[in-house]
Amino acid sequence: MDGIVLFGGSGTASLTMSVAAELGIKVGERRVERFPDGETSVVLDEPVRGLDVFILLSTSPSVNDNLMELLIFADACRRASAEHITAIVPYFGYARSDRRDSQRAPIAASLVAELMQCAGIGHVTLLDVHAPQIEGFFRGPVDHLTAIPTLCDALAKKLTPDTVVVSPDSGRVRSATEYARRLGLPLVVLHKRRGSAHETTVTHVIGDVRDRSCLIIDDMISTGGTIVESVHALRDAGSRGEFIVAATHGVLVDDACARMAGAGVTRVLVTDSIANSDRRCPLAEVVSIAPLIAESIRARFSGPPRT
């Protein structure tokens, strides 16, 4: 792993240290400061000239602060003559703004991709991004990792034989199918009708959940509204077992944990793509993605040298 340096953002310090330990390297020295007026300063405390730089930083809440930190980080590396800059963004903020839902609406995910490239980022690594087509917003290479195998390994001993895997909507069917295949469990799909930008109603439960436990999967848990609505629909369809939730990103805002607990969810598995998910939610169990990220970095250097 000679010739590379791994930096971590202020919100991903623990994850960065875990990745560095997996790789057998040290974390790059840097200083990140926030000024009273909200400005962010990033100073590199070691040279990066001619090196491959990896910046590990989730643009999680506060999304705008972390996004600016990532852009300023990349600009600092570019101006310090880094050979190549890779941004590892386990949680990609603005991913839900991947298309226009009205004539005068922005596509914020495309704008963020342009900003990252303008800052000097040449390669991007994402993890279970909300809309896979976001890869097309980047002109350079994108590695799209998935935490599904990691989460399935953690789930395998926690589930009863009567469990079914539940996709909370049609957009998660592909992911739910992969969970079901790896865990050897049946698949159930919830069909929704959207009433407004913030309101949906489950109209059909496709599959048999009677007297079964349910594993509800998603790419992220934000307010917990989708999970709560899913639990209610599954109960109405006859589910009488345990409700477990698995998601890659534990955003967990606006009392999401309390809402899920009130609905009957007993366990929530998330990764450490967003720091401190377990502190915000007593139900949460955190599974580390450090080995997955470390392997993606190793893979970059296992082939022929870049020209």
C-alpha atoms as a PDB file:
ATOM      1  CA  MET A   1       0.000   0.000   0.000  1.00  0.00           C
ATOM      2  CA  ASP A   2       2.940   2.342  -0.615  1.00  0.00           C
ATOM      3  CA  GLY A   3       2.125   5.603  -2.352  1.00  0.00           C
ATOM      4  CA  ILE A   4      -1.306   6.139  -0.815  1.00  0.00           C
ATOM      5  CA  VAL A   5      -2.646   8.223   2.038  1.00  0.00           C
ATOM      6  CA  LEU A   6      -6.045   7.818   3.697  1.00  0.00           C
ATOM      7  CA  PHE A   7      -7.733  10.834   5.266  1.00  0.00           C
ATOM      8  CA  GLY A   8     -10.939  10.783   7.281  1.00  0.00           C
ATOM      9  CA  GLY A   9     -13.548  13.475   7.623  1.00  0.00           C
ATOM     10  CA  SER A  10     -14.590  14.845  10.989  1.00  0.00           C
ATOM     11  CA  GLY A  11     -17.712  12.662  11.003  1.00  0.00           C
ATOM     12  CA  THR A  12     -15.986   9.441   9.951  1.00  0.00           C
ATOM     13  CA  ALA A  13     -12.892   9.417  12.161  1.00  0.00           C
ATOM     14  CA  SER A  14     -13.685   6.079  13.833  1.00  0.00           C
ATOM     15  CA  LEU A  15     -14.546   4.336  10.556  1.00  0.00           C
ATOM     16  CA  THR A  16     -11.384   5.709   8.926  1.00  0.00           C
ATOM     17  CA  MET A  17      -9.239   4.323  11.751  1.00  0.00           C
ATOM     18  CA  SER A  18     -10.879   0.911  11.324  1.00  0.00           C
ATOM     19  CA  VAL A  19     -10.243   0.941   7.563  1.00  0.00           C
ATOM     20  CA  ALA A  20      -6.620   1.970   8.113  1.00  0.00           C
ATOM     21  CA  ALA A  21      -6.181  -0.898  10.595  1.00  0.00           C
ATOM     22  CA  GLU A  22      -7.558  -3.333   8.001  1.00  0.00           C
ATOM     23  CA  LEU A  23      -5.031  -2.020   5.457  1.00  0.00           C
ATOM     24  CA  GLY A  24      -2.116  -1.841   7.877  1.00  0.00           C
ATOM     25  CA  ILE A  25      -1.514   1.866   7.256  1.00  0.00           C
ATOM     26  CA  LYS A  26      -1.806   5.001   9.355  1.00  0.00           C
ATOM     27  CA  VAL A  27      -4.461   7.662   8.940  1.00  0.00           C
ATOM     28  CA  GLY A  28      -3.284  10.871   7.274  1.00  0.00           C
ATOM     29  CA  GLU A  29      -2.792  13.857   9.567  1.00  0.00           C
ATOM     30  CA  ARG A  30      -5.136  16.787   8.997  1.00  0.00           C
ATOM     31  CA  ARG A  31      -6.888  19.581  10.859  1.00  0.00           C
ATOM     32  CA  VAL A  32     -10.570  20.375  10.363  1.00  0.00           C
ATOM     33  CA  GLU A  33     -11.946  23.515  11.990  1.00  0.00           C
ATOM     34  CA  ARG A  34     -15.330  25.214  11.999  1.00  0.00           C
ATOM     35  CA  PHE A  35     -15.289  28.972  12.374  1.00  0.00           C
ATOM     36  CA  PRO A  36     -17.974  30.845  14.350  1.00  0.00           C
ATOM     37  CA  ASP A  37     -19.638  32.033  11.135  1.00  0.00           C
ATOM     38  CA  GLY A  38     -20.006  28.448   9.881  1.00  0.00           C
ATOM     39  CA  GLU A  39     -17.031  28.334   7.489  1.00  0.00           C
ATOM     40  CA  THR A  40     -14.950  25.156   7.325  1.00  0.00           C
ATOM     41  CA  SER A  41     -11.164  24.979   7.176  1.00  0.00           C
ATOM     42  CA  VAL A  42      -9.151  21.886   6.237  1.00  0.00           C
ATOM     43  CA  VAL A  43      -5.348  21.834   6.525  1.00  0.00           C
ATOM     44  CA  LEU A  44      -3.226  18.828   5.537  1.00  0.00           C
ATOM     45  CA  ASP A  45      -0.477  18.167   8.061  1.00  0.00           C
ATOM     46  CA  GLU A  46       1.537  15.885   5.808  1.00  0.00           C
ATOM     47  CA  PRO A  47       2.644  15.998   2.156  1.00  0.00           C
ATOM     48  CA  VAL A  48       0.547  14.344  -0.561  1.00  0.00           C
ATOM     49  CA  ARG A  49       2.549  15.344  -3.644  1.00  0.00           C
ATOM     50  CA  GLY A  50       2.478  12.527  -6.184  1.00  0.00           C
ATOM     51  CA  LEU A  51       0.371  10.268  -3.947  1.00  0.00           C
ATOM     52  CA  ASP A  52      -2.973   8.534  -4.360  1.00  0.00           C
ATOM     53  CA  VAL A  53      -5.230  10.222  -1.821  1.00  0.00           C
ATOM     54  CA  PHE A  54      -8.376   8.608  -0.402  1.00  0.00           C
ATOM     55  CA  ILE A  55     -10.835  10.818   1.491  1.00  0.00           C
ATOM     56  CA  LEU A  56     -13.374   8.865   3.545  1.00  0.00           C
ATOM     57  CA  LEU A  57     -16.270  11.139   4.405  1.00  0.00           C
ATOM     58  CA  SER A  58     -20.033  10.568   4.594  1.00  0.00           C
ATOM     59  CA  THR A  59     -22.182  13.528   3.618  1.00  0.00           C
ATOM     60  CA  SER A  60     -24.571  12.690   6.443  1.00  0.00           C
ATOM     61  CA  PRO A  61     -26.345  15.167   8.750  1.00  0.00           C
ATOM     62  CA  SER A  62     -25.387  17.934   8.860  1.00  0.00           C
ATOM     63  CA  VAL A  63     -25.325  17.211   5.136  1.00  0.00           C
ATOM     64  CA  ASN A  64     -24.268  20.642   3.909  1.00  0.00           C
ATOM     65  CA  ASP A  65     -21.442  20.975   6.473  1.00  0.00           C
ATOM     66  CA  ASN A  66     -20.043  17.562   5.559  1.00  0.00           C
ATOM     67  CA  LEU A  67     -20.423  18.208   1.837  1.00  0.00           C
ATOM     68  CA  MET A  68     -18.461  21.449   2.086  1.00  0.00           C
ATOM     69  CA  GLU A  69     -15.816  19.666   4.161  1.00  0.00           C
ATOM     70  CA  LEU A  70     -15.450  17.054   1.414  1.00  0.00           C
ATOM     71  CA  LEU A  71     -15.111  19.689  -1.314  1.00  0.00           C
ATOM     72  CA  ILE A  72     -12.590  21.733   0.678  1.00  0.00           C
ATOM     73  CA  PHE A  73     -10.678  18.550   1.549  1.00  0.00           C
ATOM     74  CA  ALA A  74     -10.406  17.650  -2.136  1.00  0.00           C
ATOM     75  CA  ASP A  75      -9.352  21.179  -3.075  1.00  0.00           C
ATOM     76  CA  ALA A  76      -6.605  21.101  -0.435  1.00  0.00           C
ATOM     77  CA  CYS A  77      -5.309  17.791  -1.827  1.00  0.00           C
ATOM     78  CA  ARG A  78      -5.438  19.053  -5.424  1.00  0.00           C
ATOM     79  CA  ARG A  79      -3.527  22.222  -4.571  1.00  0.00           C
ATOM     80  CA  ALA A  80      -0.958  20.126  -2.676  1.00  0.00           C
ATOM     81  CA  SER A  81      -0.265  18.211  -5.934  1.00  0.00           C
ATOM     82  CA  ALA A  82      -1.893  14.882  -5.108  1.00  0.00           C
ATOM     83  CA  GLU A  83      -1.557  12.496  -8.053  1.00  0.00           C
ATOM     84  CA  HIS A  84      -5.116  11.186  -7.826  1.00  0.00           C
ATOM     85  CA  ILE A  85      -8.021  11.872  -5.458  1.00  0.00           C
ATOM     86  CA  THR A  86     -10.665   9.291  -4.562  1.00  0.00           C
ATOM     87  CA  ALA A  87     -13.669  10.204  -2.453  1.00  0.00           C
ATOM     88  CA  ILE A  88     -15.146   7.318  -0.472  1.00  0.00           C
ATOM     89  CA  VAL A  89     -18.646   8.515   0.401  1.00  0.00           C
ATOM     90  CA  PRO A  90     -20.468   5.732   2.274  1.00  0.00           C
ATOM     91  CA  TYR A  91     -23.588   7.871   2.670  1.00  0.00           C
ATOM     92  CA  PHE A  92     -24.260  10.179  -0.274  1.00  0.00           C
ATOM     93  CA  GLY A  93     -26.408  13.136   0.715  1.00  0.00           C
ATOM     94  CA  TYR A  94     -28.958  14.475  -1.799  1.00  0.00           C
ATOM     95  CA  ALA A  95     -29.230  10.988  -3.328  1.00  0.00           C
ATOM     96  CA  ARG A  96     -33.023  11.220  -3.208  1.00  0.00           C
ATOM     97  CA  SER A  97     -32.929  14.224  -5.524  1.00  0.00           C
ATOM     98  CA  ASP A  98     -31.977  12.128  -8.555  1.00  0.00           C
ATOM     99  CA  ARG A  99     -34.720  13.362 -10.904  1.00  0.00           C
ATOM    100  CA  ARG A 100     -37.180  16.201 -11.266  1.00  0.00           C
ATOM    101  CA  ASP A 101     -40.654  15.646  -9.846  1.00  0.00           C
ATOM    102  CA  SER A 102     -41.890  18.978 -11.222  1.00  0.00           C
ATOM    103  CA  GLN A 103     -40.952  21.252 -14.101  1.00  0.00           C
ATOM    104  CA  ARG A 104     -39.080  23.806 -12.009  1.00  0.00           C
ATOM    105  CA  ALA A 105     -37.327  21.439  -9.597  1.00  0.00           C
ATOM    106  CA  PRO A 106     -33.544  20.840  -9.398  1.00  0.00           C
ATOM    107  CA  ILE A 107     -31.627  17.583  -9.635  1.00  0.00           C
ATOM    108  CA  ALA A 108     -29.446  18.157  -6.597  1.00  0.00           C
ATOM    109  CA  ALA A 109     -27.607  14.826  -6.840  1.00  0.00           C
ATOM    110  CA  SER A 110     -26.299  15.848 -10.277  1.00  0.00           C
ATOM    111  CA  LEU A 111     -25.203  19.219  -8.917  1.00  0.00           C
ATOM    112  CA  VAL A 112     -23.311  17.561  -6.043  1.00  0.00           C
ATOM    113  CA  ALA A 113     -21.561  15.228  -8.498  1.00  0.00           C
ATOM    114  CA  GLU A 114     -20.458  18.224 -10.595  1.00  0.00           C
ATOM    115  CA  LEU A 115     -19.160  20.035  -7.517  1.00  0.00           C
ATOM    116  CA  MET A 116     -17.143  16.996  -6.427  1.00  0.00           C
ATOM    117  CA  GLN A 117     -15.516  16.712  -9.847  1.00  0.00           C
ATOM    118  CA  CYS A 118     -14.787  20.437 -10.015  1.00  0.00           C
ATOM    119  CA  ALA A 119     -13.036  20.153  -6.634  1.00  0.00           C
ATOM    120  CA  GLY A 120     -10.609  17.627  -8.146  1.00  0.00           C
ATOM    121  CA  ILE A 121     -12.160  14.283  -7.203  1.00  0.00           C
ATOM    122  CA  GLY A 122     -11.388  11.830  -9.992  1.00  0.00           C
ATOM    123  CA  HIS A 123     -12.781   8.592  -8.580  1.00  0.00           C
ATOM    124  CA  VAL A 124     -15.798   8.001  -6.338  1.00  0.00           C
ATOM    125  CA  THR A 125     -16.764   5.053  -4.150  1.00  0.00           C
ATOM    126  CA  LEU A 126     -20.398   4.879  -3.014  1.00  0.00           C
ATOM    127  CA  LEU A 127     -22.245   2.436  -0.780  1.00  0.00           C
ATOM    128  CA  ASP A 128     -25.839   1.323  -1.422  1.00  0.00           C
ATOM    129  CA  VAL A 129     -26.717   4.702  -2.864  1.00  0.00           C
ATOM    130  CA  HIS A 130     -30.464   5.425  -2.827  1.00  0.00           C
ATOM    131  CA  ALA A 131     -30.712   5.755  -6.617  1.00  0.00           C
ATOM    132  CA  PRO A 132     -28.144   3.655  -8.564  1.00  0.00           C
ATOM    133  CA  GLN A 133     -28.497   5.914 -11.633  1.00  0.00           C
ATOM    134  CA  ILE A 134     -26.534   8.556  -9.699  1.00  0.00           C
ATOM    135  CA  GLU A 135     -23.420   6.821 -11.059  1.00  0.00           C
ATOM    136  CA  GLY A 136     -24.277   8.408 -14.402  1.00  0.00           C
ATOM    137  CA  PHE A 137     -23.881  11.913 -12.962  1.00  0.00           C
ATOM    138  CA  PHE A 138     -20.119  11.365 -12.636  1.00  0.00           C
ATOM    139  CA  ARG A 139     -17.831  11.572 -15.669  1.00  0.00           C
ATOM    140  CA  GLY A 140     -15.093   9.539 -13.979  1.00  0.00           C
ATOM    141  CA  PRO A 141     -15.129   5.997 -12.571  1.00  0.00           C
ATOM    142  CA  VAL A 142     -17.533   5.079  -9.787  1.00  0.00           C
ATOM    143  CA  ASP A 143     -17.341   2.005  -7.553  1.00  0.00           C
ATOM    144  CA  HIS A 144     -20.741   1.117  -6.107  1.00  0.00           C
ATOM    145  CA  LEU A 145     -20.356  -1.148  -3.078  1.00  0.00           C
ATOM    146  CA  THR A 146     -23.112  -2.965  -1.229  1.00  0.00           C
ATOM    147  CA  ALA A 147     -23.352  -3.840   2.451  1.00  0.00           C
ATOM    148  CA  ILE A 148     -25.973  -6.548   1.868  1.00  0.00           C
ATOM    149  CA  PRO A 149     -23.531  -9.493   2.277  1.00  0.00           C
ATOM    150  CA  THR A 150     -22.130  -7.888   5.446  1.00  0.00           C
ATOM    151  CA  LEU A 151     -25.600  -7.356   6.921  1.00  0.00           C
ATOM    152  CA  CYS A 152     -26.730 -10.849   5.917  1.00  0.00           C
ATOM    153  CA  ASP A 153     -23.769 -12.387   7.741  1.00  0.00           C
ATOM    154  CA  ALA A 154     -24.813 -10.498  10.874  1.00  0.00           C
ATOM    155  CA  LEU A 155     -28.489 -11.430  10.439  1.00  0.00           C
ATOM    156  CA  ALA A 156     -28.049 -15.139   9.740  1.00  0.00           C
ATOM    157  CA  LYS A 157     -28.044 -16.206  13.414  1.00  0.00           C
ATOM    158  CA  LYS A 158     -30.669 -13.684  14.544  1.00  0.00           C
ATOM    159  CA  LEU A 159     -33.606 -14.816  12.415  1.00  0.00           C
ATOM    160  CA  THR A 160     -36.115 -17.578  13.091  1.00  0.00           C
ATOM    161  CA  PRO A 161     -36.991 -20.101  10.345  1.00  0.00           C
ATOM    162  CA  ASP A 162     -40.459 -18.588   9.922  1.00  0.00           C
ATOM    163  CA  THR A 163     -39.074 -15.170   8.922  1.00  0.00           C
ATOM    164  CA  VAL A 164     -39.896 -13.527   5.591  1.00  0.00           C
ATOM    165  CA  VAL A 165     -37.922 -10.737   3.926  1.00  0.00           C
ATOM    166  CA  VAL A 166     -40.069  -7.678   3.241  1.00  0.00           C
ATOM    167  CA  SER A 167     -39.428  -5.039   0.589  1.00  0.00           C
ATOM    168  CA  PRO A 168     -41.175  -1.840   1.776  1.00  0.00           C
ATOM    169  CA  ASP A 169     -41.871  -0.733  -1.799  1.00  0.00           C
ATOM    170  CA  SER A 170     -41.226  -1.697  -5.402  1.00  0.00           C
ATOM    171  CA  GLY A 171     -37.981   0.307  -5.495  1.00  0.00           C
ATOM    172  CA  ARG A 172     -36.312  -2.044  -2.987  1.00  0.00           C
ATOM    173  CA  VAL A 173     -37.373  -5.338  -4.611  1.00  0.00           C
ATOM    174  CA  ARG A 174     -33.963  -5.979  -6.116  1.00  0.00           C
ATOM    175  CA  SER A 175     -32.202  -5.505  -2.778  1.00  0.00           C
ATOM    176  CA  ALA A 176     -34.835  -7.531  -0.916  1.00  0.00           C
ATOM    177  CA  THR A 177     -34.440 -10.356  -3.428  1.00  0.00           C
ATOM    178  CA  GLU A 178     -30.715 -10.452  -2.687  1.00  0.00           C
ATOM    179  CA  TYR A 179     -31.378 -10.569   1.067  1.00  0.00           C
ATOM    180  CA  ALA A 180     -33.885 -13.389   0.547  1.00  0.00           C
ATOM    181  CA  ARG A 181     -31.475 -15.351  -1.668  1.00  0.00           C
ATOM    182  CA  ARG A 182     -28.568 -15.063   0.758  1.00  0.00           C
ATOM    183  CA  LEU A 183     -30.673 -15.874   3.817  1.00  0.00           C
ATOM    184  CA  GLY A 184     -32.735 -18.590   2.137  1.00  0.00           C
ATOM    185  CA  LEU A 185     -36.037 -16.942   3.069  1.00  0.00           C
ATOM    186  CA  PRO A 186     -39.282 -16.120   1.206  1.00  0.00           C
ATOM    187  CA  LEU A 187     -39.847 -12.626  -0.201  1.00  0.00           C
ATOM    188  CA  VAL A 188     -42.822 -10.332   0.434  1.00  0.00           C
ATOM    189  CA  VAL A 189     -43.386  -7.016  -1.350  1.00  0.00           C
ATOM    190  CA  LEU A 190     -45.503  -4.089  -0.171  1.00  0.00           C
ATOM    191  CA  HIS A 191     -47.276  -2.101  -2.869  1.00  0.00           C
ATOM    192  CA  LYS A 192     -47.809   1.592  -2.148  1.00  0.00           C
ATOM    193  CA  ARG A 193     -49.829   4.444  -3.522  1.00  0.00           C
ATOM    194  CA  ARG A 194     -48.332   7.908  -3.122  1.00  0.00           C
ATOM    195  CA  GLY A 195     -50.727  10.629  -2.018  1.00  0.00           C
ATOM    196  CA  SER A 196     -48.189  13.466  -1.909  1.00  0.00           C
ATOM    197  CA  ALA A 197     -44.450  14.027  -1.749  1.00  0.00           C
ATOM    198  CA  HIS A 198     -44.505  13.029   1.941  1.00  0.00           C
ATOM    199  CA  GLU A 199     -47.453  10.637   2.229  1.00  0.00           C
ATOM    200  CA  THR A 200     -47.826   7.064   0.967  1.00  0.00           C
ATOM    201  CA  THR A 201     -50.309   4.294   1.718  1.00  0.00           C
ATOM    202  CA  VAL A 202     -49.702   0.538   1.546  1.00  0.00           C
ATOM    203  CA  THR A 203     -52.483  -0.887  -0.624  1.00  0.00           C
ATOM    204  CA  HIS A 204     -51.362  -4.514  -1.096  1.00  0.00           C
ATOM    205  CA  VAL A 205     -49.158  -7.058   0.675  1.00  0.00           C
ATOM    206  CA  ILE A 206     -47.845  -9.416  -1.996  1.00  0.00           C
ATOM    207  CA  GLY A 207     -46.949 -12.661  -0.274  1.00  0.00           C
ATOM    208  CA  ASP A 208     -47.953 -14.609   2.835  1.00  0.00           C
ATOM    209  CA  VAL A 209     -46.980 -13.135   6.234  1.00  0.00           C
ATOM    210  CA  ARG A 210     -49.588 -14.861   8.405  1.00  0.00           C
ATOM    211  CA  ASP A 211     -48.094 -15.851  11.790  1.00  0.00           C
ATOM    212  CA  ARG A 212     -44.605 -15.066  10.488  1.00  0.00           C
ATOM    213  CA  SER A 213     -41.767 -12.827  11.671  1.00  0.00           C
ATOM    214  CA  CYS A 214     -40.690 -10.096   9.271  1.00  0.00           C
ATOM    215  CA  LEU A 215     -37.305  -8.711   8.253  1.00  0.00           C
ATOM    216  CA  ILE A 216     -37.983  -5.313   6.698  1.00  0.00           C
ATOM    217  CA  ILE A 217     -35.089  -4.061   4.584  1.00  0.00           C
ATOM    218  CA  ASP A 218     -34.247  -0.640   3.172  1.00  0.00           C
ATOM    219  CA  ASP A 219     -31.242   1.333   2.006  1.00  0.00           C
ATOM    220  CA  MET A 220     -31.698   3.962   4.727  1.00  0.00           C
ATOM    221  CA  ILE A 221     -33.805   4.771   7.763  1.00  0.00           C
ATOM    222  CA  SER A 222     -34.453   8.482   8.042  1.00  0.00           C
ATOM    223  CA  THR A 223     -37.584   9.382  10.028  1.00  0.00           C
ATOM    224  CA  GLY A 224     -38.731   5.772  10.339  1.00  0.00           C
ATOM    225  CA  GLY A 225     -42.052   6.547   8.667  1.00  0.00           C
ATOM    226  CA  THR A 226     -41.683   3.891   5.961  1.00  0.00           C
ATOM    227  CA  ILE A 227     -40.850   1.246   8.566  1.00  0.00           C
ATOM    228  CA  VAL A 228     -43.783   2.158  10.821  1.00  0.00           C
ATOM    229  CA  GLU A 229     -46.207   2.107   7.897  1.00  0.00           C
ATOM    230  CA  SER A 230     -44.828  -1.259   6.782  1.00  0.00           C
ATOM    231  CA  VAL A 231     -45.233  -2.790  10.256  1.00  0.00           C
ATOM    232  CA  HIS A 232     -48.856  -1.665  10.435  1.00  0.00           C
ATOM    233  CA  ALA A 233     -49.617  -3.166   7.010  1.00  0.00           C
ATOM    234  CA  LEU A 234     -47.897  -6.440   7.911  1.00  0.00           C
ATOM    235  CA  ARG A 235     -49.837  -6.725  11.160  1.00  0.00           C
ATOM    236  CA  ASP A 236     -53.074  -6.121   9.284  1.00  0.00           C
ATOM    237  CA  ALA A 237     -52.047  -8.941   6.905  1.00  0.00           C
ATOM    238  CA  GLY A 238     -51.642 -11.381   9.790  1.00  0.00           C
ATOM    239  CA  SER A 239     -48.005 -11.146  10.872  1.00  0.00           C
ATOM    240  CA  ARG A 240     -47.687 -12.078  14.550  1.00  0.00           C
ATOM    241  CA  GLY A 241     -43.952 -12.569  14.925  1.00  0.00           C
ATOM    242  CA  GLU A 242     -40.949 -10.336  15.522  1.00  0.00           C
ATOM    243  CA  PHE A 243     -40.240  -7.254  13.416  1.00  0.00           C
ATOM    244  CA  ILE A 244     -36.550  -6.731  12.588  1.00  0.00           C
ATOM    245  CA  VAL A 245     -35.216  -3.962  10.349  1.00  0.00           C
ATOM    246  CA  ALA A 246     -31.981  -3.982   8.340  1.00  0.00           C
ATOM    247  CA  ALA A 247     -30.694  -0.940   6.467  1.00  0.00           C
ATOM    248  CA  THR A 248     -27.302   0.219   5.304  1.00  0.00           C
ATOM    249  CA  HIS A 249     -27.615   3.822   6.486  1.00  0.00           C
ATOM    250  CA  GLY A 250     -28.957   4.731   9.918  1.00  0.00           C
ATOM    251  CA  VAL A 251     -29.790   8.406   9.439  1.00  0.00           C
ATOM    252  CA  LEU A 252     -32.334   8.186  12.291  1.00  0.00           C
ATOM    253  CA  VAL A 253     -33.681  11.724  12.633  1.00  0.00           C
ATOM    254  CA  ASP A 254     -36.851  13.145  14.217  1.00  0.00           C
ATOM    255  CA  ASP A 255     -37.381  10.469  16.904  1.00  0.00           C
ATOM    256  CA  ALA A 256     -37.170   7.683  14.324  1.00  0.00           C
ATOM    257  CA  CYS A 257     -36.131   5.150  16.954  1.00  0.00           C
ATOM    258  CA  ALA A 258     -39.036   5.925  19.272  1.00  0.00           C
ATOM    259  CA  ARG A 259     -41.480   5.709  16.375  1.00  0.00           C
ATOM    260  CA  MET A 260     -40.201   2.291  15.319  1.00  0.00           C
ATOM    261  CA  ALA A 261     -40.178   0.984  18.890  1.00  0.00           C
ATOM    262  CA  GLY A 262     -43.738   2.207  19.352  1.00  0.00           C
ATOM    263  CA  ALA A 263     -44.796   0.274  16.252  1.00  0.00           C
ATOM    264  CA  GLY A 264     -43.292  -2.951  17.597  1.00  0.00           C
ATOM    265  CA  VAL A 265     -39.840  -3.111  15.967  1.00  0.00           C
ATOM    266  CA  THR A 266     -37.521  -5.036  18.287  1.00  0.00           C
ATOM    267  CA  ARG A 267     -34.162  -4.783  16.523  1.00  0.00           C
ATOM    268  CA  VAL A 268     -32.529  -2.506  13.933  1.00  0.00           C
ATOM    269  CA  LEU A 269     -29.310  -3.438  12.124  1.00  0.00           C
ATOM    270  CA  VAL A 270     -27.374  -0.664  10.391  1.00  0.00           C
ATOM    271  CA  THR A 271     -23.781  -0.107   9.319  1.00  0.00           C
ATOM    272  CA  ASP A 272     -21.302   2.495  10.511  1.00  0.00           C
ATOM    273  CA  SER A 273     -21.650   4.465   7.256  1.00  0.00           C
ATOM    274  CA  ILE A 274     -23.103   7.147   9.539  1.00  0.00           C
ATOM    275  CA  ALA A 275     -21.445   7.608  12.918  1.00  0.00           C
ATOM    276  CA  ASN A 276     -23.186   7.093  16.258  1.00  0.00           C
ATOM    277  CA  SER A 277     -26.376   5.468  14.954  1.00  0.00           C
ATOM    278  CA  ASP A 278     -26.430   3.230  18.042  1.00  0.00           C
ATOM    279  CA  ARG A 279     -26.194   6.251  20.349  1.00  0.00           C
ATOM    280  CA  ARG A 280     -29.261   7.811  18.744  1.00  0.00           C
ATOM    281  CA  CYS A 281     -31.227   4.560  18.840  1.00  0.00           C
ATOM    282  CA  PRO A 282     -31.100   1.941  21.623  1.00  0.00           C
ATOM    283  CA  LEU A 283     -32.571  -0.602  19.183  1.00  0.00           C
ATOM    284  CA  ALA A 284     -29.682  -0.208  16.755  1.00  0.00           C
ATOM    285  CA  GLU A 285     -26.897  -2.739  16.320  1.00  0.00           C
ATOM    286  CA  VAL A 286     -24.020  -1.470  14.190  1.00  0.00           C
ATOM    287  CA  VAL A 287     -22.186  -3.693  11.718  1.00  0.00           C
ATOM    288  CA  SER A 288     -18.869  -2.341  10.461  1.00  0.00           C
ATOM    289  CA  ILE A 289     -18.204  -1.800   6.759  1.00  0.00           C
ATOM    290  CA  ALA A 290     -14.487  -1.188   7.363  1.00  0.00           C
ATOM    291  CA  PRO A 291     -13.430  -4.550   5.823  1.00  0.00           C
ATOM    292  CA  LEU A 292     -15.586  -3.857   2.755  1.00  0.00           C
ATOM    293  CA  ILE A 293     -14.073  -0.414   2.200  1.00  0.00           C
ATOM    294  CA  ALA A 294     -10.549  -1.674   2.844  1.00  0.00           C
ATOM    295  CA  GLU A 295     -11.022  -4.410   0.249  1.00  0.00           C
ATOM    296  CA  SER A 296     -12.225  -1.853  -2.312  1.00  0.00           C
ATOM    297  CA  ILE A 297      -9.037   0.158  -1.757  1.00  0.00           C
ATOM    298  CA  ARG A 298      -6.863  -2.962  -2.068  1.00  0.00           C
ATOM    299  CA  ALA A 299      -8.613  -3.884  -5.307  1.00  0.00           C
ATOM    300  CA  ARG A 300      -7.531  -0.578  -6.825  1.00  0.00           C
ATOM    301  CA  PHE A 301      -3.906  -1.679  -6.551  1.00  0.00           C
ATOM    302  CA  SER A 302      -4.187  -5.378  -7.351  1.00  0.00           C
ATOM    303  CA  GLY A 303      -4.422  -4.900 -11.135  1.00  0.00           C
ATOM    304  CA  PRO A 304      -2.014  -3.386 -13.654  1.00  0.00           C
ATOM    305  CA  PRO A 305      -0.605   0.035 -12.764  1.00  0.00           C
ATOM    306  CA  ARG A 306      -2.685   3.056 -13.782  1.00  0.00           C
ATOM    307  CA  THR A 307      -1.238   5.026 -16.722  1.00  0.00           C
END
